[in-house]
Amino acid sequence: MTVVDVDSDWTISTYAAHNEAMRLVEGQFQDERDRRYTEVNIEKEKALKIKETADRDAMSLARDAQTYKEKQNDALRDRSLEFGGTYATNASVSAAIEKLQASLQPLVDYVSSQKGSDKGSQSTIGNIYSAILVAAAIGGILFGIFK
């Protein structure tokens, strides 16, 4: 094995100059890195402020939308309740018919008693008029109750 003799120009002064140049480059590198980290942190803060603003606006819009929905639901409920009273239930119709039968019972009794009389064709016309009168009375009572 042969040993190659390398002619080296390194001396203590050249090594010191090299070391000083590396230290300056390292300082510049560290300064650049610190500047970039600072810029990134500033941009992160800006993004965080934008996000906070967007979140606050989104919450405000969600609150407004919820308030609008609640108002619409209240209005629909009020309309439904307003019109809900105009529909007849089975119980109210049964009660109205019972009242009608009670109030028309004297008329029905009168018409029944007239069937046995000797009035001939006038009796039939009277029965028709009586039936029309009863129907009109029932309609009037129902109209008055459910108006």
N, C-alpha and C. Protein backbone atom coordinates (compact mmCIF):
# COMPACT_ATOMS: atom_id res chain seq x y z
N MET A 1 0.81 -1.14 0.00
CA MET A 1 0.00 0.00 0.00
C MET A 1 0.88 1.24 0.00
N THR A 2 0.45 2.10 -0.82
CA THR A 2 1.26 3.31 -0.90
C THR A 2 0.52 4.47 -0.27
N VAL A 3 1.19 5.29 0.34
CA VAL A 3 0.61 6.46 0.99
C VAL A 3 0.80 7.62 0.05
N VAL A 4 -0.33 8.26 -0.22
CA VAL A 4 -0.27 9.42 -1.12
C VAL A 4 -0.04 10.64 -0.28
N ASP A 5 0.90 11.38 -0.68
CA ASP A 5 1.20 12.60 0.06
C ASP A 5 0.35 13.72 -0.52
N VAL A 6 -0.55 14.22 0.28
CA VAL A 6 -1.46 15.27 -0.17
C VAL A 6 -0.87 16.59 0.28
N ASP A 7 -0.73 17.42 -0.68
CA ASP A 7 -0.20 18.74 -0.36
C ASP A 7 -1.37 19.58 0.12
N SER A 8 -1.37 19.95 1.34
CA SER A 8 -2.48 20.66 1.93
C SER A 8 -2.09 22.10 2.14
N ASP A 9 -3.04 23.00 1.73
CA ASP A 9 -2.80 24.42 1.91
C ASP A 9 -3.45 24.94 3.19
N TRP A 10 -3.98 24.06 4.00
CA TRP A 10 -4.65 24.47 5.22
C TRP A 10 -3.60 24.82 6.26
N THR A 11 -3.90 25.97 6.80
CA THR A 11 -3.06 26.39 7.92
C THR A 11 -4.01 26.85 9.01
N ILE A 12 -3.48 27.20 10.09
CA ILE A 12 -4.31 27.67 11.20
C ILE A 12 -5.05 28.93 10.77
N SER A 13 -4.42 29.81 10.06
CA SER A 13 -5.08 31.06 9.66
C SER A 13 -6.17 30.80 8.62
N THR A 14 -5.92 29.87 7.68
CA THR A 14 -6.95 29.56 6.70
C THR A 14 -8.12 28.85 7.36
N TYR A 15 -7.80 27.99 8.32
CA TYR A 15 -8.88 27.31 9.06
C TYR A 15 -9.71 28.33 9.85
N ALA A 16 -9.08 29.30 10.46
CA ALA A 16 -9.78 30.33 11.23
C ALA A 16 -10.65 31.17 10.29
N ALA A 17 -10.11 31.50 9.11
CA ALA A 17 -10.88 32.29 8.15
C ALA A 17 -12.08 31.48 7.67
N HIS A 18 -11.87 30.20 7.40
CA HIS A 18 -12.97 29.32 6.98
C HIS A 18 -14.03 29.22 8.08
N ASN A 19 -13.58 29.02 9.29
CA ASN A 19 -14.49 28.91 10.43
C ASN A 19 -15.29 30.20 10.61
N GLU A 20 -14.66 31.33 10.46
CA GLU A 20 -15.35 32.61 10.59
C GLU A 20 -16.39 32.77 9.48
N ALA A 21 -16.03 32.37 8.25
CA ALA A 21 -16.98 32.46 7.13
C ALA A 21 -18.17 31.52 7.38
N MET A 22 -17.93 30.33 7.87
CA MET A 22 -19.03 29.39 8.18
C MET A 22 -19.92 29.94 9.29
N ARG A 23 -19.32 30.58 10.28
CA ARG A 23 -20.09 31.17 11.37
C ARG A 23 -20.99 32.28 10.84
N LEU A 24 -20.48 33.11 9.94
CA LEU A 24 -21.29 34.18 9.35
C LEU A 24 -22.42 33.62 8.50
N VAL A 25 -22.13 32.57 7.71
CA VAL A 25 -23.17 31.94 6.89
C VAL A 25 -24.22 31.29 7.78
N GLU A 26 -23.77 30.64 8.84
CA GLU A 26 -24.72 30.03 9.79
C GLU A 26 -25.59 31.09 10.44
N GLY A 27 -25.01 32.24 10.78
CA GLY A 27 -25.78 33.34 11.36
C GLY A 27 -26.83 33.86 10.38
N GLN A 28 -26.42 34.00 9.11
CA GLN A 28 -27.37 34.43 8.09
C GLN A 28 -28.49 33.40 7.92
N PHE A 29 -28.10 32.14 7.94
CA PHE A 29 -29.10 31.06 7.82
C PHE A 29 -30.08 31.11 8.99
N GLN A 30 -29.59 31.29 10.20
CA GLN A 30 -30.45 31.35 11.38
C GLN A 30 -31.37 32.58 11.33
N ASP A 31 -30.81 33.70 10.86
CA ASP A 31 -31.63 34.92 10.73
C ASP A 31 -32.76 34.71 9.72
N GLU A 32 -32.42 34.08 8.59
CA GLU A 32 -33.43 33.81 7.56
C GLU A 32 -34.51 32.87 8.09
N ARG A 33 -34.07 31.83 8.81
CA ARG A 33 -35.03 30.89 9.40
C ARG A 33 -35.94 31.59 10.40
N ASP A 34 -35.37 32.42 11.25
CA ASP A 34 -36.17 33.15 12.23
C ASP A 34 -37.17 34.09 11.53
N ARG A 35 -36.74 34.75 10.46
CA ARG A 35 -37.62 35.65 9.71
C ARG A 35 -38.79 34.85 9.12
N ARG A 36 -38.50 33.69 8.54
CA ARG A 36 -39.57 32.86 7.95
C ARG A 36 -40.53 32.36 9.03
N TYR A 37 -39.99 31.90 10.17
CA TYR A 37 -40.87 31.47 11.27
C TYR A 37 -41.76 32.63 11.73
N THR A 38 -41.18 33.82 11.81
CA THR A 38 -41.96 34.99 12.23
C THR A 38 -43.06 35.28 11.22
N GLU A 39 -42.72 35.23 9.92
CA GLU A 39 -43.73 35.47 8.89
C GLU A 39 -44.83 34.41 8.94
N VAL A 40 -44.45 33.16 9.12
CA VAL A 40 -45.45 32.09 9.21
C VAL A 40 -46.35 32.31 10.42
N ASN A 41 -45.77 32.69 11.55
CA ASN A 41 -46.58 32.93 12.75
C ASN A 41 -47.52 34.11 12.55
N ILE A 42 -47.04 35.15 11.88
CA ILE A 42 -47.92 36.30 11.60
C ILE A 42 -49.08 35.86 10.71
N GLU A 43 -48.80 35.06 9.69
CA GLU A 43 -49.86 34.57 8.80
C GLU A 43 -50.82 33.64 9.53
N LYS A 44 -50.29 32.84 10.45
CA LYS A 44 -51.17 31.98 11.25
C LYS A 44 -52.11 32.82 12.10
N GLU A 45 -51.58 33.90 12.68
CA GLU A 45 -52.43 34.79 13.49
C GLU A 45 -53.51 35.44 12.64
N LYS A 46 -53.14 35.87 11.42
CA LYS A 46 -54.13 36.46 10.52
C LYS A 46 -55.20 35.42 10.16
N ALA A 47 -54.77 34.20 9.86
CA ALA A 47 -55.72 33.14 9.52
C ALA A 47 -56.63 32.83 10.70
N LEU A 48 -56.07 32.84 11.89
CA LEU A 48 -56.88 32.57 13.09
C LEU A 48 -57.91 33.68 13.30
N LYS A 49 -57.52 34.93 13.07
CA LYS A 49 -58.47 36.04 13.20
C LYS A 49 -59.58 35.92 12.15
N ILE A 50 -59.20 35.54 10.93
CA ILE A 50 -60.20 35.36 9.87
C ILE A 50 -61.15 34.23 10.25
N LYS A 51 -60.59 33.13 10.78
CA LYS A 51 -61.42 31.99 11.19
C LYS A 51 -62.36 32.40 12.32
N GLU A 52 -61.85 33.14 13.29
CA GLU A 52 -62.71 33.58 14.40
C GLU A 52 -63.84 34.47 13.90
N THR A 53 -63.52 35.37 12.97
CA THR A 53 -64.54 36.24 12.39
C THR A 53 -65.59 35.42 11.63
N ALA A 54 -65.10 34.47 10.85
CA ALA A 54 -66.02 33.62 10.09
C ALA A 54 -66.90 32.79 11.03
N ASP A 55 -66.31 32.25 12.10
CA ASP A 55 -67.10 31.48 13.07
C ASP A 55 -68.16 32.35 13.74
N ARG A 56 -67.75 33.56 14.10
CA ARG A 56 -68.71 34.47 14.75
C ARG A 56 -69.85 34.81 13.78
N ASP A 57 -69.51 35.09 12.52
CA ASP A 57 -70.54 35.40 11.52
C ASP A 57 -71.44 34.19 11.27
N ALA A 58 -70.83 33.01 11.23
CA ALA A 58 -71.63 31.79 11.01
C ALA A 58 -72.59 31.57 12.18
N MET A 59 -72.12 31.80 13.38
CA MET A 59 -73.00 31.64 14.55
C MET A 59 -74.14 32.67 14.50
N SER A 60 -73.82 33.88 14.09
CA SER A 60 -74.85 34.91 13.98
C SER A 60 -75.88 34.52 12.92
N LEU A 61 -75.40 34.05 11.78
CA LEU A 61 -76.33 33.61 10.73
C LEU A 61 -77.16 32.42 11.18
N ALA A 62 -76.55 31.49 11.88
CA ALA A 62 -77.29 30.33 12.37
C ALA A 62 -78.36 30.77 13.37
N ARG A 63 -78.01 31.72 14.23
CA ARG A 63 -78.97 32.24 15.21
C ARG A 63 -80.12 32.94 14.48
N ASP A 64 -79.80 33.75 13.46
CA ASP A 64 -80.84 34.43 12.69
C ASP A 64 -81.73 33.42 11.97
N ALA A 65 -81.12 32.39 11.39
CA ALA A 65 -81.89 31.37 10.68
C ALA A 65 -82.81 30.63 11.65
N GLN A 66 -82.30 30.32 12.84
CA GLN A 66 -83.12 29.62 13.84
C GLN A 66 -84.28 30.51 14.29
N THR A 67 -84.01 31.79 14.48
CA THR A 67 -85.07 32.73 14.87
C THR A 67 -86.13 32.81 13.78
N TYR A 68 -85.69 32.88 12.52
CA TYR A 68 -86.63 32.92 11.40
C TYR A 68 -87.48 31.65 11.35
N LYS A 69 -86.84 30.49 11.53
CA LYS A 69 -87.58 29.23 11.52
C LYS A 69 -88.61 29.20 12.64
N GLU A 70 -88.20 29.66 13.82
CA GLU A 70 -89.13 29.66 14.95
C GLU A 70 -90.32 30.59 14.69
N LYS A 71 -90.05 31.76 14.08
CA LYS A 71 -91.15 32.68 13.76
C LYS A 71 -92.09 32.05 12.74
N GLN A 72 -91.53 31.39 11.73
CA GLN A 72 -92.37 30.74 10.73
C GLN A 72 -93.20 29.62 11.36
N ASN A 73 -92.58 28.83 12.24
CA ASN A 73 -93.31 27.76 12.92
C ASN A 73 -94.43 28.33 13.79
N ASP A 74 -94.12 29.44 14.49
CA ASP A 74 -95.15 30.06 15.32
C ASP A 74 -96.31 30.56 14.47
N ALA A 75 -95.99 31.19 13.34
CA ALA A 75 -97.05 31.69 12.46
C ALA A 75 -97.89 30.54 11.92
N LEU A 76 -97.23 29.46 11.52
CA LEU A 76 -97.96 28.29 11.01
C LEU A 76 -98.83 27.67 12.10
N ARG A 77 -98.29 27.59 13.30
CA ARG A 77 -99.05 27.04 14.42
C ARG A 77 -100.26 27.92 14.73
N ASP A 78 -100.06 29.25 14.70
CA ASP A 78 -101.18 30.16 14.96
C ASP A 78 -102.26 30.02 13.90
N ARG A 79 -101.83 29.94 12.63
CA ARG A 79 -102.82 29.76 11.56
C ARG A 79 -103.55 28.44 11.72
N SER A 80 -102.82 27.41 12.09
CA SER A 80 -103.44 26.09 12.26
C SER A 80 -104.44 26.13 13.41
N LEU A 81 -104.07 26.78 14.51
CA LEU A 81 -104.98 26.87 15.65
C LEU A 81 -106.17 27.77 15.32
N GLU A 82 -105.92 28.80 14.52
CA GLU A 82 -107.00 29.71 14.15
C GLU A 82 -108.06 28.99 13.33
N PHE A 83 -107.61 28.18 12.38
CA PHE A 83 -108.56 27.46 11.53
C PHE A 83 -109.02 26.16 12.17
N GLY A 84 -108.33 25.71 13.20
CA GLY A 84 -108.69 24.45 13.84
C GLY A 84 -110.04 24.51 14.50
N GLY A 85 -110.45 25.69 14.94
CA GLY A 85 -111.73 25.81 15.61
C GLY A 85 -112.91 25.79 14.67
N THR A 86 -112.71 25.87 13.36
CA THR A 86 -113.82 25.94 12.42
C THR A 86 -114.30 24.56 11.98
N TYR A 87 -113.59 23.52 12.33
CA TYR A 87 -113.98 22.18 11.93
C TYR A 87 -114.80 21.52 13.02
N ALA A 88 -115.86 20.86 12.60
CA ALA A 88 -116.75 20.21 13.56
C ALA A 88 -116.16 18.87 13.98
N THR A 89 -116.23 18.60 15.26
CA THR A 89 -115.82 17.30 15.77
C THR A 89 -117.05 16.42 15.92
N ASN A 90 -116.83 15.14 16.12
CA ASN A 90 -117.95 14.22 16.29
C ASN A 90 -118.80 14.61 17.50
N ALA A 91 -118.14 14.99 18.57
CA ALA A 91 -118.87 15.35 19.78
C ALA A 91 -119.71 16.60 19.57
N SER A 92 -119.13 17.62 18.89
CA SER A 92 -119.89 18.86 18.69
C SER A 92 -121.07 18.64 17.74
N VAL A 93 -120.89 17.81 16.72
CA VAL A 93 -121.99 17.52 15.80
C VAL A 93 -123.09 16.74 16.53
N SER A 94 -122.71 15.76 17.34
CA SER A 94 -123.70 14.99 18.10
C SER A 94 -124.48 15.89 19.04
N ALA A 95 -123.78 16.79 19.72
CA ALA A 95 -124.46 17.71 20.65
C ALA A 95 -125.39 18.63 19.88
N ALA A 96 -124.97 19.10 18.72
CA ALA A 96 -125.82 20.00 17.93
C ALA A 96 -127.07 19.27 17.44
N ILE A 97 -126.89 18.03 17.03
CA ILE A 97 -128.05 17.25 16.55
C ILE A 97 -129.02 16.99 17.70
N GLU A 98 -128.52 16.70 18.88
CA GLU A 98 -129.39 16.48 20.04
C GLU A 98 -130.18 17.75 20.38
N LYS A 99 -129.49 18.91 20.33
CA LYS A 99 -130.18 20.18 20.59
C LYS A 99 -131.25 20.44 19.52
N LEU A 100 -130.89 20.13 18.29
CA LEU A 100 -131.82 20.34 17.18
C LEU A 100 -133.04 19.43 17.32
N GLN A 101 -132.80 18.18 17.68
CA GLN A 101 -133.93 17.25 17.85
C GLN A 101 -134.83 17.70 18.99
N ALA A 102 -134.21 18.19 20.06
CA ALA A 102 -135.02 18.64 21.20
C ALA A 102 -135.85 19.87 20.83
N SER A 103 -135.23 20.79 20.07
CA SER A 103 -135.98 22.00 19.73
C SER A 103 -137.01 21.76 18.63
N LEU A 104 -136.81 20.75 17.78
CA LEU A 104 -137.75 20.47 16.68
C LEU A 104 -138.78 19.42 17.05
N GLN A 105 -138.68 18.84 18.23
CA GLN A 105 -139.62 17.78 18.62
C GLN A 105 -141.07 18.26 18.58
N PRO A 106 -141.39 19.47 19.04
CA PRO A 106 -142.79 19.92 18.94
C PRO A 106 -143.25 20.01 17.48
N LEU A 107 -142.37 20.43 16.58
CA LEU A 107 -142.74 20.53 15.17
C LEU A 107 -142.98 19.14 14.59
N VAL A 108 -142.12 18.19 14.95
CA VAL A 108 -142.29 16.81 14.47
C VAL A 108 -143.60 16.24 15.01
N ASP A 109 -143.89 16.50 16.27
CA ASP A 109 -145.15 16.01 16.86
C ASP A 109 -146.36 16.62 16.14
N TYR A 110 -146.28 17.89 15.80
CA TYR A 110 -147.38 18.54 15.09
C TYR A 110 -147.58 17.93 13.72
N VAL A 111 -146.46 17.72 12.99
CA VAL A 111 -146.56 17.13 11.65
C VAL A 111 -147.13 15.72 11.76
N SER A 112 -146.75 14.95 12.73
CA SER A 112 -147.27 13.60 12.91
C SER A 112 -148.76 13.62 13.22
N SER A 113 -149.18 14.57 14.00
CA SER A 113 -150.61 14.64 14.33
C SER A 113 -151.44 15.06 13.12
N GLN A 114 -150.85 15.82 12.22
CA GLN A 114 -151.58 16.28 11.04
C GLN A 114 -151.70 15.19 9.97
N LYS A 115 -150.91 14.16 10.04
CA LYS A 115 -150.97 13.09 9.05
C LYS A 115 -152.32 12.36 9.14
N GLY A 116 -152.88 12.29 10.27
CA GLY A 116 -154.13 11.58 10.45
C GLY A 116 -155.37 12.41 10.09
N SER A 117 -155.23 13.68 9.79
CA SER A 117 -156.40 14.51 9.49
C SER A 117 -156.88 14.28 8.06
N ASP A 118 -158.09 14.78 7.77
CA ASP A 118 -158.72 14.55 6.47
C ASP A 118 -158.52 15.73 5.53
N LYS A 119 -157.35 16.19 5.32
CA LYS A 119 -157.15 17.35 4.48
C LYS A 119 -156.77 16.96 3.06
N GLY A 120 -156.58 15.73 2.75
CA GLY A 120 -156.31 15.26 1.39
C GLY A 120 -154.98 15.75 0.87
N SER A 121 -155.02 16.38 -0.33
CA SER A 121 -153.78 16.81 -0.99
C SER A 121 -153.14 17.98 -0.27
N GLN A 122 -153.94 18.78 0.42
CA GLN A 122 -153.35 19.88 1.18
C GLN A 122 -152.50 19.35 2.31
N SER A 123 -152.86 18.19 2.84
CA SER A 123 -152.07 17.56 3.90
C SER A 123 -150.70 17.18 3.36
N THR A 124 -150.63 16.66 2.12
CA THR A 124 -149.36 16.29 1.51
C THR A 124 -148.51 17.52 1.29
N ILE A 125 -149.10 18.60 0.78
CA ILE A 125 -148.36 19.84 0.58
C ILE A 125 -147.89 20.39 1.92
N GLY A 126 -148.71 20.27 2.93
CA GLY A 126 -148.32 20.71 4.27
C GLY A 126 -147.13 19.90 4.78
N ASN A 127 -147.16 18.60 4.50
CA ASN A 127 -146.03 17.76 4.92
C ASN A 127 -144.75 18.17 4.20
N ILE A 128 -144.85 18.51 2.93
CA ILE A 128 -143.67 18.95 2.17
C ILE A 128 -143.15 20.26 2.75
N TYR A 129 -144.07 21.19 2.99
CA TYR A 129 -143.65 22.45 3.59
C TYR A 129 -143.03 22.23 4.96
N SER A 130 -143.60 21.33 5.72
CA SER A 130 -143.06 21.02 7.04
C SER A 130 -141.65 20.44 6.93
N ALA A 131 -141.46 19.54 5.96
CA ALA A 131 -140.13 18.95 5.77
C ALA A 131 -139.12 20.00 5.35
N ILE A 132 -139.53 20.93 4.46
CA ILE A 132 -138.64 22.01 4.04
C ILE A 132 -138.32 22.91 5.22
N LEU A 133 -139.33 23.20 6.03
CA LEU A 133 -139.13 24.03 7.21
C LEU A 133 -138.16 23.36 8.19
N VAL A 134 -138.33 22.06 8.39
CA VAL A 134 -137.44 21.33 9.29
C VAL A 134 -136.01 21.35 8.76
N ALA A 135 -135.84 21.12 7.45
CA ALA A 135 -134.50 21.12 6.84
C ALA A 135 -133.86 22.50 6.97
N ALA A 136 -134.66 23.57 6.71
CA ALA A 136 -134.13 24.94 6.83
C ALA A 136 -133.74 25.23 8.27
N ALA A 137 -134.55 24.76 9.22
CA ALA A 137 -134.24 24.99 10.62
C ALA A 137 -132.96 24.28 11.01
N ILE A 138 -132.79 23.05 10.56
CA ILE A 138 -131.57 22.29 10.86
C ILE A 138 -130.35 23.01 10.26
N GLY A 139 -130.48 23.42 9.00
CA GLY A 139 -129.36 24.13 8.35
C GLY A 139 -129.03 25.42 9.07
N GLY A 140 -130.04 26.18 9.46
CA GLY A 140 -129.80 27.43 10.16
C GLY A 140 -129.12 27.22 11.50
N ILE A 141 -129.57 26.21 12.23
CA ILE A 141 -128.96 25.94 13.53
C ILE A 141 -127.51 25.50 13.37
N LEU A 142 -127.26 24.61 12.43
CA LEU A 142 -125.88 24.15 12.20
C LEU A 142 -124.99 25.29 11.73
N PHE A 143 -125.52 26.14 10.86
CA PHE A 143 -124.75 27.28 10.38
C PHE A 143 -124.43 28.22 11.54
N GLY A 144 -125.40 28.43 12.44
CA GLY A 144 -125.18 29.31 13.58
C GLY A 144 -124.18 28.72 14.56
N ILE A 145 -124.20 27.42 14.72
CA ILE A 145 -123.29 26.78 15.69
C ILE A 145 -121.85 26.79 15.16
N PHE A 146 -121.66 26.50 13.90
CA PHE A 146 -120.31 26.31 13.37
C PHE A 146 -119.78 27.52 12.61
N LYS A 147 -120.40 28.65 12.77
CA LYS A 147 -119.96 29.84 12.08
C LYS A 147 -118.68 30.36 12.62
